PDB file of N, CA and C in Angstrom:
ATOM      1  N   MET A   1      -9.609  -1.509 -19.967  1.00  0.00           N
ATOM      2  CA  MET A   1      -8.567  -1.565 -18.958  1.00  0.00           C
ATOM      3  C   MET A   1      -9.027  -2.481 -17.829  1.00  0.00           C
ATOM      4  N   HIS A   2      -8.146  -3.291 -17.357  1.00  0.00           N
ATOM      5  CA  HIS A   2      -8.388  -4.225 -16.258  1.00  0.00           C
ATOM      6  C   HIS A   2      -8.848  -3.455 -15.014  1.00  0.00           C
ATOM      7  N   GLY A   3      -9.830  -3.985 -14.283  1.00  0.00           N
ATOM      8  CA  GLY A   3     -10.371  -3.317 -13.106  1.00  0.00           C
ATOM      9  C   GLY A   3      -9.337  -3.018 -12.037  1.00  0.00           C
ATOM     10  N   VAL A   4      -8.416  -3.948 -11.804  1.00  0.00           N
ATOM     11  CA  VAL A   4      -7.369  -3.729 -10.808  1.00  0.00           C
ATOM     12  C   VAL A   4      -6.441  -2.616 -11.272  1.00  0.00           C
ATOM     13  N   LYS A   5      -6.196  -2.554 -12.557  1.00  0.00           N
ATOM     14  CA  LYS A   5      -5.331  -1.504 -13.097  1.00  0.00           C
ATOM     15  C   LYS A   5      -5.967  -0.129 -12.882  1.00  0.00           C
ATOM     16  N   ARG A   6      -7.254  -0.017 -13.141  1.00  0.00           N
ATOM     17  CA  ARG A   6      -7.960   1.251 -12.894  1.00  0.00           C
ATOM     18  C   ARG A   6      -7.880   1.641 -11.428  1.00  0.00           C
ATOM     19  N   LEU A   7      -8.117   0.660 -10.552  1.00  0.00           N
ATOM     20  CA  LEU A   7      -8.074   0.912  -9.116  1.00  0.00           C
ATOM     21  C   LEU A   7      -6.692   1.396  -8.689  1.00  0.00           C
ATOM     22  N   LEU A   8      -5.644   0.731  -9.145  1.00  0.00           N
ATOM     23  CA  LEU A   8      -4.292   1.132  -8.755  1.00  0.00           C
ATOM     24  C   LEU A   8      -3.911   2.491  -9.325  1.00  0.00           C
ATOM     25  N   TRP A   9      -4.306   2.781 -10.552  1.00  0.00           N
ATOM     26  CA  TRP A   9      -4.036   4.116 -11.099  1.00  0.00           C
ATOM     27  C   TRP A   9      -4.701   5.176 -10.229  1.00  0.00           C
ATOM     28  N   TRP A  10      -5.936   4.943  -9.843  1.00  0.00           N
ATOM     29  CA  TRP A  10      -6.661   5.922  -9.019  1.00  0.00           C
ATOM     30  C   TRP A  10      -6.014   6.073  -7.643  1.00  0.00           C
ATOM     31  N   LEU A  11      -5.726   4.953  -6.975  1.00  0.00           N
ATOM     32  CA  LEU A  11      -5.185   5.017  -5.611  1.00  0.00           C
ATOM     33  C   LEU A  11      -3.741   5.505  -5.547  1.00  0.00           C
ATOM     34  N   LEU A  12      -2.965   5.279  -6.594  1.00  0.00           N
ATOM     35  CA  LEU A  12      -1.555   5.662  -6.575  1.00  0.00           C
ATOM     36  C   LEU A  12      -1.264   6.966  -7.297  1.00  0.00           C
ATOM     37  N   ALA A  13      -1.961   7.228  -8.381  1.00  0.00           N
ATOM     38  CA  ALA A  13      -1.645   8.413  -9.191  1.00  0.00           C
ATOM     39  C   ALA A  13      -2.747   9.452  -9.207  1.00  0.00           C
ATOM     40  N   GLY A  14      -3.968   9.038  -8.939  1.00  0.00           N
ATOM     41  CA  GLY A  14      -5.092   9.943  -9.122  1.00  0.00           C
ATOM     42  C   GLY A  14      -5.657  10.546  -7.859  1.00  0.00           C
ATOM     43  N   SER A  15      -5.049  10.271  -6.731  1.00  0.00           N
ATOM     44  CA  SER A  15      -5.589  10.815  -5.484  1.00  0.00           C
ATOM     45  C   SER A  15      -4.446  11.238  -4.563  1.00  0.00           C
ATOM     46  N   ALA A  16      -4.753  12.162  -3.684  1.00  0.00           N
ATOM     47  CA  ALA A  16      -3.749  12.638  -2.730  1.00  0.00           C
ATOM     48  C   ALA A  16      -3.252  11.471  -1.887  1.00  0.00           C
ATOM     49  N   GLY A  17      -1.964  11.440  -1.632  1.00  0.00           N
ATOM     50  CA  GLY A  17      -1.399  10.379  -0.811  1.00  0.00           C
ATOM     51  C   GLY A  17      -1.018   9.132  -1.568  1.00  0.00           C
ATOM     52  N   GLY A  18      -1.173   9.145  -2.870  1.00  0.00           N
ATOM     53  CA  GLY A  18      -0.896   7.954  -3.660  1.00  0.00           C
ATOM     54  C   GLY A  18       0.534   7.463  -3.557  1.00  0.00           C
ATOM     55  N   ILE A  19       1.465   8.393  -3.514  1.00  0.00           N
ATOM     56  CA  ILE A  19       2.877   7.997  -3.412  1.00  0.00           C
ATOM     57  C   ILE A  19       3.128   7.282  -2.095  1.00  0.00           C
ATOM     58  N   ASN A  20       2.562   7.791  -1.008  1.00  0.00           N
ATOM     59  CA  ASN A  20       2.731   7.114   0.286  1.00  0.00           C
ATOM     60  C   ASN A  20       2.073   5.738   0.287  1.00  0.00           C
ATOM     61  N   ARG A  21       0.917   5.613  -0.358  1.00  0.00           N
ATOM     62  CA  ARG A  21       0.279   4.294  -0.447  1.00  0.00           C
ATOM     63  C   ARG A  21       1.153   3.324  -1.242  1.00  0.00           C
ATOM     64  N   GLY A  22       1.759   3.814  -2.313  1.00  0.00           N
ATOM     65  CA  GLY A  22       2.662   2.969  -3.086  1.00  0.00           C
ATOM     66  C   GLY A  22       3.873   2.540  -2.279  1.00  0.00           C
ATOM     67  N   ARG A  23       4.412   3.450  -1.495  1.00  0.00           N
ATOM     68  CA  ARG A  23       5.560   3.122  -0.644  1.00  0.00           C
ATOM     69  C   ARG A  23       5.180   2.064   0.394  1.00  0.00           C
ATOM     70  N   ILE A  24       3.980   2.177   0.940  1.00  0.00           N
ATOM     71  CA  ILE A  24       3.496   1.179   1.909  1.00  0.00           C
ATOM     72  C   ILE A  24       3.381  -0.182   1.235  1.00  0.00           C
ATOM     73  N   LEU A  25       2.772  -0.226   0.066  1.00  0.00           N
ATOM     74  CA  LEU A  25       2.621  -1.497  -0.643  1.00  0.00           C
ATOM     75  C   LEU A  25       3.977  -2.098  -0.988  1.00  0.00           C
ATOM     76  N   GLU A  26       4.910  -1.261  -1.378  1.00  0.00           N
ATOM     77  CA  GLU A  26       6.244  -1.735  -1.702  1.00  0.00           C
ATOM     78  C   GLU A  26       6.902  -2.381  -0.473  1.00  0.00           C
ATOM     79  N   GLU A  27       6.731  -1.780   0.696  1.00  0.00           N
ATOM     80  CA  GLU A  27       7.282  -2.353   1.935  1.00  0.00           C
ATOM     81  C   GLU A  27       6.589  -3.663   2.298  1.00  0.00           C
ATOM     82  N   LEU A  28       5.265  -3.697   2.133  1.00  0.00           N
ATOM     83  CA  LEU A  28       4.536  -4.921   2.472  1.00  0.00           C
ATOM     84  C   LEU A  28       4.875  -6.053   1.509  1.00  0.00           C
ATOM     85  N   PHE A  29       5.295  -5.712   0.303  1.00  0.00           N
ATOM     86  CA  PHE A  29       5.746  -6.735  -0.635  1.00  0.00           C
ATOM     87  C   PHE A  29       7.016  -7.412  -0.107  1.00  0.00           C
ATOM     88  N   LYS A  30       7.874  -6.638   0.549  1.00  0.00           N
ATOM     89  CA  LYS A  30       9.118  -7.183   1.102  1.00  0.00           C
ATOM     90  C   LYS A  30       8.845  -8.085   2.301  1.00  0.00           C
ATOM     91  N   GLN A  31       7.945  -7.615   3.192  1.00  0.00           N
ATOM     92  CA  GLN A  31       7.601  -8.392   4.386  1.00  0.00           C
ATOM     93  C   GLN A  31       6.416  -7.746   5.091  1.00  0.00           C
ATOM     94  N   PRO A  32       5.675  -8.527   5.876  1.00  0.00           N
ATOM     95  CA  PRO A  32       4.566  -7.962   6.652  1.00  0.00           C
ATOM     96  C   PRO A  32       5.104  -6.983   7.703  1.00  0.00           C
ATOM     97  N   HIS A  33       4.281  -6.002   8.026  1.00  0.00           N
ATOM     98  CA  HIS A  33       4.638  -4.999   9.030  1.00  0.00           C
ATOM     99  C   HIS A  33       3.411  -4.633   9.845  1.00  0.00           C
ATOM    100  N   ASN A  34       3.631  -4.092  11.037  1.00  0.00           N
ATOM    101  CA  ASN A  34       2.551  -3.416  11.735  1.00  0.00           C
ATOM    102  C   ASN A  34       2.668  -1.923  11.416  1.00  0.00           C
ATOM    103  N   ALA A  35       1.688  -1.148  11.833  1.00  0.00           N
ATOM    104  CA  ALA A  35       1.658   0.272  11.488  1.00  0.00           C
ATOM    105  C   ALA A  35       2.853   1.025  12.059  1.00  0.00           C
ATOM    106  N   ASN A  36       3.257   0.681  13.272  1.00  0.00           N
ATOM    107  CA  ASN A  36       4.392   1.356  13.891  1.00  0.00           C
ATOM    108  C   ASN A  36       5.681   1.096  13.111  1.00  0.00           C
ATOM    109  N   ASP A  37       5.890  -0.150  12.695  1.00  0.00           N
ATOM    110  CA  ASP A  37       7.072  -0.483  11.882  1.00  0.00           C
ATOM    111  C   ASP A  37       7.073   0.327  10.582  1.00  0.00           C
ATOM    112  N   LEU A  38       5.929   0.377   9.917  1.00  0.00           N
ATOM    113  CA  LEU A  38       5.835   1.129   8.666  1.00  0.00           C
ATOM    114  C   LEU A  38       6.142   2.603   8.895  1.00  0.00           C
ATOM    115  N   SER A  39       5.653   3.139   9.997  1.00  0.00           N
ATOM    116  CA  SER A  39       5.907   4.537  10.326  1.00  0.00           C
ATOM    117  C   SER A  39       7.405   4.809  10.429  1.00  0.00           C
ATOM    118  N   LYS A  40       8.109   3.912  11.076  1.00  0.00           N
ATOM    119  CA  LYS A  40       9.557   4.074  11.243  1.00  0.00           C
ATOM    120  C   LYS A  40      10.309   3.874   9.925  1.00  0.00           C
ATOM    121  N   VAL A  41       9.979   2.807   9.211  1.00  0.00           N
ATOM    122  CA  VAL A  41      10.682   2.475   7.975  1.00  0.00           C
ATOM    123  C   VAL A  41      10.484   3.558   6.918  1.00  0.00           C
ATOM    124  N   LEU A  42       9.273   4.090   6.825  1.00  0.00           N
ATOM    125  CA  LEU A  42       8.949   5.065   5.786  1.00  0.00           C
ATOM    126  C   LEU A  42       9.101   6.509   6.255  1.00  0.00           C
ATOM    127  N   ASN A  43       9.425   6.687   7.535  1.00  0.00           N
ATOM    128  CA  ASN A  43       9.596   8.021   8.108  1.00  0.00           C
ATOM    129  C   ASN A  43       8.344   8.884   7.894  1.00  0.00           C
ATOM    130  N   LEU A  44       7.204   8.295   8.232  1.00  0.00           N
ATOM    131  CA  LEU A  44       5.916   8.983   8.140  1.00  0.00           C
ATOM    132  C   LEU A  44       5.223   8.933   9.492  1.00  0.00           C
ATOM    133  N   ASP A  45       4.380   9.901   9.749  1.00  0.00           N
ATOM    134  CA  ASP A  45       3.603   9.953  10.983  1.00  0.00           C
ATOM    135  C   ASP A  45       2.720   8.703  11.111  1.00  0.00           C
ATOM    136  N   TYR A  46       2.608   8.193  12.317  1.00  0.00           N
ATOM    137  CA  TYR A  46       1.816   6.997  12.585  1.00  0.00           C
ATOM    138  C   TYR A  46       0.372   7.163  12.115  1.00  0.00           C
ATOM    139  N   LYS A  47      -0.233   8.319  12.375  1.00  0.00           N
ATOM    140  CA  LYS A  47      -1.624   8.547  11.959  1.00  0.00           C
ATOM    141  C   LYS A  47      -1.755   8.561  10.441  1.00  0.00           C
ATOM    142  N   THR A  48      -0.747   9.061   9.760  1.00  0.00           N
ATOM    143  CA  THR A  48      -0.743   9.047   8.292  1.00  0.00           C
ATOM    144  C   THR A  48      -0.719   7.605   7.786  1.00  0.00           C
ATOM    145  N   ILE A  49       0.140   6.797   8.383  1.00  0.00           N
ATOM    146  CA  ILE A  49       0.221   5.379   8.012  1.00  0.00           C
ATOM    147  C   ILE A  49      -1.127   4.702   8.237  1.00  0.00           C
ATOM    148  N   ARG A  50      -1.728   4.922   9.392  1.00  0.00           N
ATOM    149  CA  ARG A  50      -3.024   4.300   9.712  1.00  0.00           C
ATOM    150  C   ARG A  50      -4.089   4.702   8.684  1.00  0.00           C
ATOM    151  N   HIS A  51      -4.106   5.960   8.294  1.00  0.00           N
ATOM    152  CA  HIS A  51      -5.072   6.423   7.293  1.00  0.00           C
ATOM    153  C   HIS A  51      -4.886   5.660   5.976  1.00  0.00           C
ATOM    154  N   HIS A  52      -3.643   5.593   5.500  1.00  0.00           N
ATOM    155  CA  HIS A  52      -3.389   4.926   4.223  1.00  0.00           C
ATOM    156  C   HIS A  52      -3.655   3.425   4.305  1.00  0.00           C
ATOM    157  N   LEU A  53      -3.348   2.818   5.433  1.00  0.00           N
ATOM    158  CA  LEU A  53      -3.673   1.400   5.608  1.00  0.00           C
ATOM    159  C   LEU A  53      -5.181   1.183   5.519  1.00  0.00           C
ATOM    160  N   SER A  54      -5.942   2.084   6.094  1.00  0.00           N
ATOM    161  CA  SER A  54      -7.405   1.982   6.028  1.00  0.00           C
ATOM    162  C   SER A  54      -7.900   2.074   4.584  1.00  0.00           C
ATOM    163  N   VAL A  55      -7.361   3.016   3.824  1.00  0.00           N
ATOM    164  CA  VAL A  55      -7.745   3.168   2.415  1.00  0.00           C
ATOM    165  C   VAL A  55      -7.404   1.904   1.629  1.00  0.00           C
ATOM    166  N   LEU A  56      -6.202   1.389   1.841  1.00  0.00           N
ATOM    167  CA  LEU A  56      -5.774   0.185   1.124  1.00  0.00           C
ATOM    168  C   LEU A  56      -6.609  -1.029   1.508  1.00  0.00           C
ATOM    169  N   GLU A  57      -6.953  -1.136   2.776  1.00  0.00           N
ATOM    170  CA  GLU A  57      -7.764  -2.268   3.242  1.00  0.00           C
ATOM    171  C   GLU A  57      -9.186  -2.180   2.681  1.00  0.00           C
ATOM    172  N   LYS A  58      -9.768  -0.994   2.672  1.00  0.00           N
ATOM    173  CA  LYS A  58     -11.127  -0.815   2.137  1.00  0.00           C
ATOM    174  C   LYS A  58     -11.198  -1.144   0.656  1.00  0.00           C
ATOM    175  N   ASN A  59     -10.068  -1.017  -0.040  1.00  0.00           N
ATOM    176  CA  ASN A  59     -10.023  -1.312  -1.470  1.00  0.00           C
ATOM    177  C   ASN A  59      -9.454  -2.692  -1.766  1.00  0.00           C
ATOM    178  N   ASN A  60      -9.400  -3.536  -0.729  1.00  0.00           N
ATOM    179  CA  ASN A  60      -9.012  -4.945  -0.853  1.00  0.00           C
ATOM    180  C   ASN A  60      -7.601  -5.165  -1.400  1.00  0.00           C
ATOM    181  N   LEU A  61      -6.688  -4.225  -1.129  1.00  0.00           N
ATOM    182  CA  LEU A  61      -5.316  -4.388  -1.572  1.00  0.00           C
ATOM    183  C   LEU A  61      -4.412  -4.932  -0.479  1.00  0.00           C
ATOM    184  N   ILE A  62      -4.848  -4.809   0.761  1.00  0.00           N
ATOM    185  CA  ILE A  62      -4.108  -5.394   1.879  1.00  0.00           C
ATOM    186  C   ILE A  62      -5.081  -6.109   2.792  1.00  0.00           C
ATOM    187  N   THR A  63      -4.535  -6.932   3.635  1.00  0.00           N
ATOM    188  CA  THR A  63      -5.304  -7.631   4.653  1.00  0.00           C
ATOM    189  C   THR A  63      -4.488  -7.576   5.937  1.00  0.00           C
ATOM    190  N   TYR A  64      -5.080  -7.980   7.021  1.00  0.00           N
ATOM    191  CA  TYR A  64      -4.361  -7.941   8.288  1.00  0.00           C
ATOM    192  C   TYR A  64      -4.766  -9.119   9.154  1.00  0.00           C
ATOM    193  N   THR A  65      -3.948  -9.350  10.161  1.00  0.00           N
ATOM    194  CA  THR A  65      -4.262 -10.344  11.168  1.00  0.00           C
ATOM    195  C   THR A  65      -3.867  -9.766  12.513  1.00  0.00           C
ATOM    196  N   GLY A  66      -4.562 -10.183  13.537  1.00  0.00           N
ATOM    197  CA  GLY A  66      -4.300  -9.669  14.878  1.00  0.00           C
ATOM    198  C   GLY A  66      -5.147  -8.453  15.186  1.00  0.00           C
ATOM    199  N   ARG A  67      -4.867  -7.886  16.365  1.00  0.00           N
ATOM    200  CA  ARG A  67      -5.646  -6.738  16.820  1.00  0.00           C
ATOM    201  C   ARG A  67      -4.721  -5.720  17.468  1.00  0.00           C
ATOM    202  N   GLY A  68      -5.206  -4.501  17.511  1.00  0.00           N
ATOM    203  CA  GLY A  68      -4.501  -3.455  18.234  1.00  0.00           C
ATOM    204  C   GLY A  68      -3.115  -3.170  17.687  1.00  0.00           C
ATOM    205  N   TYR A  69      -2.212  -2.843  18.604  1.00  0.00           N
ATOM    206  CA  TYR A  69      -0.864  -2.419  18.249  1.00  0.00           C
ATOM    207  C   TYR A  69      -0.127  -3.466  17.421  1.00  0.00           C
ATOM    208  N   GLY A  70      -0.335  -4.725  17.701  1.00  0.00           N
ATOM    209  CA  GLY A  70       0.381  -5.793  17.019  1.00  0.00           C
ATOM    210  C   GLY A  70      -0.233  -6.237  15.704  1.00  0.00           C
ATOM    211  N   GLN A  71      -1.287  -5.573  15.262  1.00  0.00           N
ATOM    212  CA  GLN A  71      -1.952  -5.944  14.018  1.00  0.00           C
ATOM    213  C   GLN A  71      -0.944  -5.907  12.867  1.00  0.00           C
ATOM    214  N   MET A  72      -0.812  -7.027  12.171  1.00  0.00           N
ATOM    215  CA  MET A  72       0.145  -7.147  11.070  1.00  0.00           C
ATOM    216  C   MET A  72      -0.576  -7.052   9.730  1.00  0.00           C
ATOM    217  N   TYR A  73       0.028  -6.310   8.814  1.00  0.00           N
ATOM    218  CA  TYR A  73      -0.548  -6.083   7.494  1.00  0.00           C
ATOM    219  C   TYR A  73       0.221  -6.858   6.437  1.00  0.00           C
ATOM    220  N   PHE A  74      -0.537  -7.382   5.472  1.00  0.00           N
ATOM    221  CA  PHE A  74      -0.015  -8.201   4.381  1.00  0.00           C
ATOM    222  C   PHE A  74      -0.660  -7.735   3.078  1.00  0.00           C
ATOM    223  N   LEU A  75      -0.024  -8.038   1.967  1.00  0.00           N
ATOM    224  CA  LEU A  75      -0.677  -7.821   0.682  1.00  0.00           C
ATOM    225  C   LEU A  75      -1.841  -8.794   0.559  1.00  0.00           C
ATOM    226  N   SER A  76      -2.922  -8.351  -0.048  1.00  0.00           N
ATOM    227  CA  SER A  76      -4.065  -9.239  -0.273  1.00  0.00           C
ATOM    228  C   SER A  76      -3.765 -10.174  -1.443  1.00  0.00           C
ATOM    229  N   ASP A  77      -4.549 -11.229  -1.535  1.00  0.00           N
ATOM    230  CA  ASP A  77      -4.425 -12.137  -2.685  1.00  0.00           C
ATOM    231  C   ASP A  77      -4.668 -11.384  -3.986  1.00  0.00           C
ATOM    232  N   LEU A  78      -5.635 -10.444  -3.969  1.00  0.00           N
ATOM    233  CA  LEU A  78      -5.925  -9.658  -5.162  1.00  0.00           C
ATOM    234  C   LEU A  78      -4.682  -8.934  -5.654  1.00  0.00           C
ATOM    235  N   LEU A  79      -3.967  -8.284  -4.742  1.00  0.00           N
ATOM    236  CA  LEU A  79      -2.771  -7.547  -5.157  1.00  0.00           C
ATOM    237  C   LEU A  79      -1.631  -8.497  -5.509  1.00  0.00           C
ATOM    238  N   GLU A  80      -1.445  -9.540  -4.726  1.00  0.00           N
ATOM    239  CA  GLU A  80      -0.373 -10.490  -5.043  1.00  0.00           C
ATOM    240  C   GLU A  80      -0.561 -11.094  -6.435  1.00  0.00           C
ATOM    241  N   ASN A  81      -1.807 -11.340  -6.812  1.00  0.00           N
ATOM    242  CA  ASN A  81      -2.095 -11.908  -8.132  1.00  0.00           C
ATOM    243  C   ASN A  81      -1.959 -10.879  -9.255  1.00  0.00           C
ATOM    244  N   ASN A  82      -1.812  -9.606  -8.883  1.00  0.00           N
ATOM    245  CA  ASN A  82      -1.710  -8.539  -9.879  1.00  0.00           C
ATOM    246  C   ASN A  82      -0.492  -7.647  -9.645  1.00  0.00           C
ATOM    247  N   MET A  83       0.562  -8.215  -9.077  1.00  0.00           N
ATOM    248  CA  MET A  83       1.759  -7.427  -8.785  1.00  0.00           C
ATOM    249  C   MET A  83       2.400  -6.868 -10.051  1.00  0.00           C
ATOM    250  N   ASP A  84       2.229  -7.537 -11.179  1.00  0.00           N
ATOM    251  CA  ASP A  84       2.780  -7.008 -12.422  1.00  0.00           C
ATOM    252  C   ASP A  84       2.146  -5.659 -12.759  1.00  0.00           C
ATOM    253  N   ILE A  85       0.860  -5.506 -12.471  1.00  0.00           N
ATOM    254  CA  ILE A  85       0.177  -4.236 -12.731  1.00  0.00           C
ATOM    255  C   ILE A  85       0.692  -3.170 -11.768  1.00  0.00           C
ATOM    256  N   PHE A  86       0.819  -3.525 -10.486  1.00  0.00           N
ATOM    257  CA  PHE A  86       1.378  -2.578  -9.512  1.00  0.00           C
ATOM    258  C   PHE A  86       2.764  -2.137  -9.963  1.00  0.00           C
ATOM    259  N   ASN A  87       3.622  -3.087 -10.309  1.00  0.00           N
ATOM    260  CA  ASN A  87       4.992  -2.760 -10.704  1.00  0.00           C
ATOM    261  C   ASN A  87       5.035  -1.873 -11.943  1.00  0.00           C
ATOM    262  N   GLU A  88       4.121  -2.114 -12.882  1.00  0.00           N
ATOM    263  CA  GLU A  88       4.048  -1.276 -14.084  1.00  0.00           C
ATOM    264  C   GLU A  88       3.718   0.172 -13.719  1.00  0.00           C
ATOM    265  N   ILE A  89       2.682   0.345 -12.917  1.00  0.00           N
ATOM    266  CA  ILE A  89       2.247   1.690 -12.543  1.00  0.00           C
ATOM    267  C   ILE A  89       3.279   2.350 -11.628  1.00  0.00           C
ATOM    268  N   TRP A  90       3.742   1.621 -10.635  1.00  0.00           N
ATOM    269  CA  TRP A  90       4.708   2.169  -9.684  1.00  0.00           C
ATOM    270  C   TRP A  90       6.010   2.546 -10.392  1.00  0.00           C
ATOM    271  N   GLY A  91       6.387   1.780 -11.380  1.00  0.00           N
ATOM    272  CA  GLY A  91       7.578   2.108 -12.156  1.00  0.00           C
ATOM    273  C   GLY A  91       7.438   3.415 -12.908  1.00  0.00           C
ATOM    274  N   LYS A  92       6.216   3.741 -13.308  1.00  0.00           N
ATOM    275  CA  LYS A  92       5.967   4.978 -14.053  1.00  0.00           C
ATOM    276  C   LYS A  92       5.852   6.189 -13.147  1.00  0.00           C
ATOM    277  N   ILE A  93       5.274   6.003 -11.951  1.00  0.00           N
ATOM    278  CA  ILE A  93       4.976   7.187 -11.128  1.00  0.00           C
ATOM    279  C   ILE A  93       5.707   7.253  -9.805  1.00  0.00           C
ATOM    280  N   GLY A  94       6.055   6.128  -9.238  1.00  0.00           N
ATOM    281  CA  GLY A  94       6.510   6.138  -7.862  1.00  0.00           C
ATOM    282  C   GLY A  94       7.984   6.191  -7.631  1.00  0.00           C
ATOM    283  N   LYS A  95       8.724   5.503  -8.425  1.00  0.00           N
ATOM    284  CA  LYS A  95      10.156   5.373  -8.183  1.00  0.00           C
ATOM    285  C   LYS A  95      10.859   6.719  -8.177  1.00  0.00           C
ATOM    286  N   ASN A  96      10.377   7.665  -8.963  1.00  0.00           N
ATOM    287  CA  ASN A  96      11.032   8.965  -9.058  1.00  0.00           C
ATOM    288  C   ASN A  96      10.583   9.960  -7.993  1.00  0.00           C
ATOM    289  N   LYS A  97       9.545   9.629  -7.232  1.00  0.00           N
ATOM    290  CA  LYS A  97       8.968  10.600  -6.302  1.00  0.00           C
ATOM    291  C   LYS A  97       9.234  10.279  -4.846  1.00  0.00           C
ATOM    292  N   LYS A  98      10.003   9.274  -4.556  1.00  0.00           N
ATOM    293  CA  LYS A  98      10.242   8.868  -3.162  1.00  0.00           C
ATOM    294  C   LYS A  98      10.996   9.922  -2.396  1.00  0.00           C
TER     295      LYS A  98
END
Protein backbone atom coordinates (compact mmCIF):
# COMPACT_ATOMS: atom_id res chain seq x y z
CA MET A 1 0.00 0.00 0.00
CA HIS A 2 1.23 3.48 -0.89
CA GLY A 3 2.65 5.39 2.11
CA VAL A 4 0.31 8.35 1.63
CA LYS A 5 -2.63 5.98 1.46
CA ARG A 6 -1.65 4.40 4.79
CA LEU A 7 -1.24 7.84 6.34
CA LEU A 8 -4.65 9.04 5.13
CA TRP A 9 -6.40 5.86 6.26
CA TRP A 10 -4.89 6.32 9.72
CA LEU A 11 -5.62 10.06 10.00
CA LEU A 12 -9.14 9.89 8.57
CA ALA A 13 -10.49 6.47 9.53
CA GLY A 14 -8.21 5.05 12.18
CA SER A 15 -8.06 7.79 14.77
CA ALA A 16 -10.44 9.98 16.73
CA GLY A 17 -11.33 13.16 14.89
CA GLY A 18 -10.71 11.73 11.45
CA ILE A 19 -14.02 12.90 10.05
CA ASN A 20 -13.33 16.47 11.15
CA ARG A 21 -9.85 16.30 9.61
CA GLY A 22 -11.40 15.11 6.36
CA ARG A 23 -13.91 17.94 6.43
CA ILE A 24 -11.07 20.43 6.95
CA LEU A 25 -9.11 19.01 4.02
CA GLU A 26 -12.21 19.09 1.85
CA GLU A 27 -12.68 22.82 2.64
CA LEU A 28 -9.02 23.60 2.01
CA PHE A 29 -9.32 21.88 -1.36
CA LYS A 30 -11.99 24.45 -2.28
CA GLN A 31 -9.95 27.44 -1.07
CA PRO A 32 -7.41 28.49 1.58
CA HIS A 33 -8.81 29.44 4.98
CA ASN A 34 -7.65 30.68 8.34
CA ALA A 35 -8.66 28.78 11.48
CA ASN A 36 -11.48 31.17 12.33
CA ASP A 37 -13.01 30.81 8.85
CA LEU A 38 -12.83 27.02 9.11
CA SER A 39 -14.48 27.16 12.53
CA LYS A 40 -17.41 29.09 11.09
CA VAL A 41 -17.75 27.12 7.85
CA LEU A 42 -17.57 23.72 9.57
CA ASN A 43 -19.47 24.78 12.70
CA LEU A 44 -16.71 23.49 14.98
CA ASP A 45 -15.05 25.02 18.02
CA TYR A 46 -12.00 27.14 17.19
CA LYS A 47 -9.76 25.10 19.52
CA THR A 48 -10.91 21.89 17.84
CA ILE A 49 -10.00 23.33 14.44
CA ARG A 50 -6.57 24.43 15.72
CA HIS A 51 -5.90 20.93 17.09
CA HIS A 52 -6.76 19.24 13.79
CA LEU A 53 -4.76 21.78 11.80
CA SER A 54 -1.76 20.97 13.98
CA VAL A 55 -2.18 17.22 13.36
CA LEU A 56 -2.51 17.76 9.61
CA GLU A 57 0.50 20.09 9.50
CA LYS A 58 2.70 17.68 11.50
CA ASN A 59 1.83 14.97 8.97
CA ASN A 60 2.72 17.20 6.00
CA LEU A 61 -0.81 17.29 4.59
CA ILE A 62 -1.25 21.05 4.92
CA THR A 63 0.99 24.07 4.95
CA TYR A 64 0.45 27.64 6.02
CA THR A 65 1.63 31.16 5.45
CA GLY A 66 1.49 34.16 7.73
CA ARG A 67 1.33 34.38 11.48
CA GLY A 68 -1.21 34.63 14.24
CA TYR A 69 -4.89 35.16 13.57
CA GLY A 70 -4.40 35.72 9.84
CA GLN A 71 -2.40 32.53 9.28
CA MET A 72 -3.77 30.94 6.10
CA TYR A 73 -3.81 27.19 5.54
CA PHE A 74 -3.38 25.41 2.21
CA LEU A 75 -3.13 21.82 1.05
CA SER A 76 0.49 20.67 0.88
CA ASP A 77 2.11 19.59 -2.36
CA LEU A 78 2.13 16.04 -0.97
CA LEU A 79 -1.65 16.02 -0.61
CA GLU A 80 -2.33 17.90 -3.84
CA ASN A 81 -0.25 15.28 -5.69
CA ASN A 82 -2.28 12.51 -4.03
CA MET A 83 -5.81 13.93 -4.07
CA ASP A 84 -7.05 10.82 -5.87
CA ILE A 85 -6.12 8.79 -2.77
CA PHE A 86 -7.85 11.28 -0.46
CA ASN A 87 -10.97 11.23 -2.64
CA GLU A 88 -10.99 7.42 -2.68
CA ILE A 89 -10.78 7.15 1.11
CA TRP A 90 -13.06 10.12 1.81
CA GLY A 91 -15.64 8.69 -0.58
CA LYS A 92 -15.69 5.48 1.44
CA ILE A 93 -15.77 6.94 4.95
CA GLY A 94 -16.48 10.63 5.02
CA LYS A 95 -19.31 11.58 2.78
CA ASN A 96 -21.85 9.62 4.82
CA LYS A 97 -20.72 10.88 8.24
CA LYS A 98 -20.88 14.66 7.83
